[in-house]
Amino acid sequence: MPTVYLKGGDSVQVSLENLEDYLNENQERIEIRRKKLRRPPIDNATVSTSSK
């Protein structure tokens, strides 16, 4: 089940069937969080630039 984080530090798990309705009804209470993607750094020395 997806977790919805609320302002004030609370969190709620909502079933997928009810998620859209819950999000629409509780927009003012939902906390927006951004998650950084952790990708490995690209090493330019190992990237192949040759074409056949």
Protein backbone atom coordinates (compact mmCIF):
# COMPACT_ATOMS: atom_id res chain seq x y z
CA MET A 1 0.00 0.00 0.00
CA PRO A 2 1.28 3.50 -0.79
CA THR A 3 2.19 5.77 2.11
CA VAL A 4 0.92 9.35 2.18
CA TYR A 5 2.88 11.77 4.37
CA LEU A 6 0.82 14.42 6.13
CA LYS A 7 1.87 17.79 7.49
CA GLY A 8 2.71 17.51 11.16
CA GLY A 9 4.74 14.32 10.75
CA ASP A 10 1.92 11.79 10.47
CA SER A 11 1.71 9.21 7.71
CA VAL A 12 -1.17 7.13 6.40
CA GLN A 13 -1.26 4.03 4.23
CA VAL A 14 -4.02 4.09 1.63
CA SER A 15 -5.09 1.27 -0.69
CA LEU A 16 -4.56 1.81 -4.42
CA GLU A 17 -8.30 1.71 -5.03
CA ASN A 18 -8.87 4.66 -2.68
CA LEU A 19 -5.66 6.59 -3.32
CA GLU A 20 -6.98 9.04 -5.93
CA ASP A 21 -10.02 9.96 -3.83
CA TYR A 22 -7.90 10.32 -0.68
CA LEU A 23 -5.39 12.60 -2.43
CA ASN A 24 -8.13 14.81 -3.85
CA GLU A 25 -10.00 15.09 -0.55
CA ASN A 26 -6.90 15.82 1.57
CA GLN A 27 -4.74 18.04 -0.65
CA GLU A 28 -4.27 20.72 2.03
CA ARG A 29 -3.03 18.17 4.60
CA ILE A 30 -0.50 16.35 2.38
CA GLU A 31 3.20 17.11 2.66
CA ILE A 32 5.17 17.23 -0.57
CA ARG A 33 8.47 15.36 -0.37
CA ARG A 34 11.13 15.11 -3.00
CA LYS A 35 13.48 12.17 -3.13
CA LYS A 36 16.91 12.42 -4.68
CA LEU A 37 17.73 9.70 -7.17
CA ARG A 38 20.96 7.98 -6.33
CA ARG A 39 22.71 7.10 -9.54
CA PRO A 40 26.32 6.01 -9.74
CA PRO A 41 28.61 8.64 -11.27
CA ILE A 42 29.37 8.17 -14.95
CA ASP A 43 33.05 7.59 -15.64
CA ASN A 44 33.83 9.16 -19.01
CA ALA A 45 36.90 6.94 -19.44
CA THR A 46 34.76 3.78 -19.57
CA VAL A 47 32.10 5.12 -21.94
CA SER A 48 32.53 3.69 -25.41
CA THR A 49 32.28 6.29 -28.18
CA SER A 50 33.23 4.07 -31.09
CA SER A 51 30.64 3.14 -33.69
CA LYS A 52 30.72 0.36 -36.25
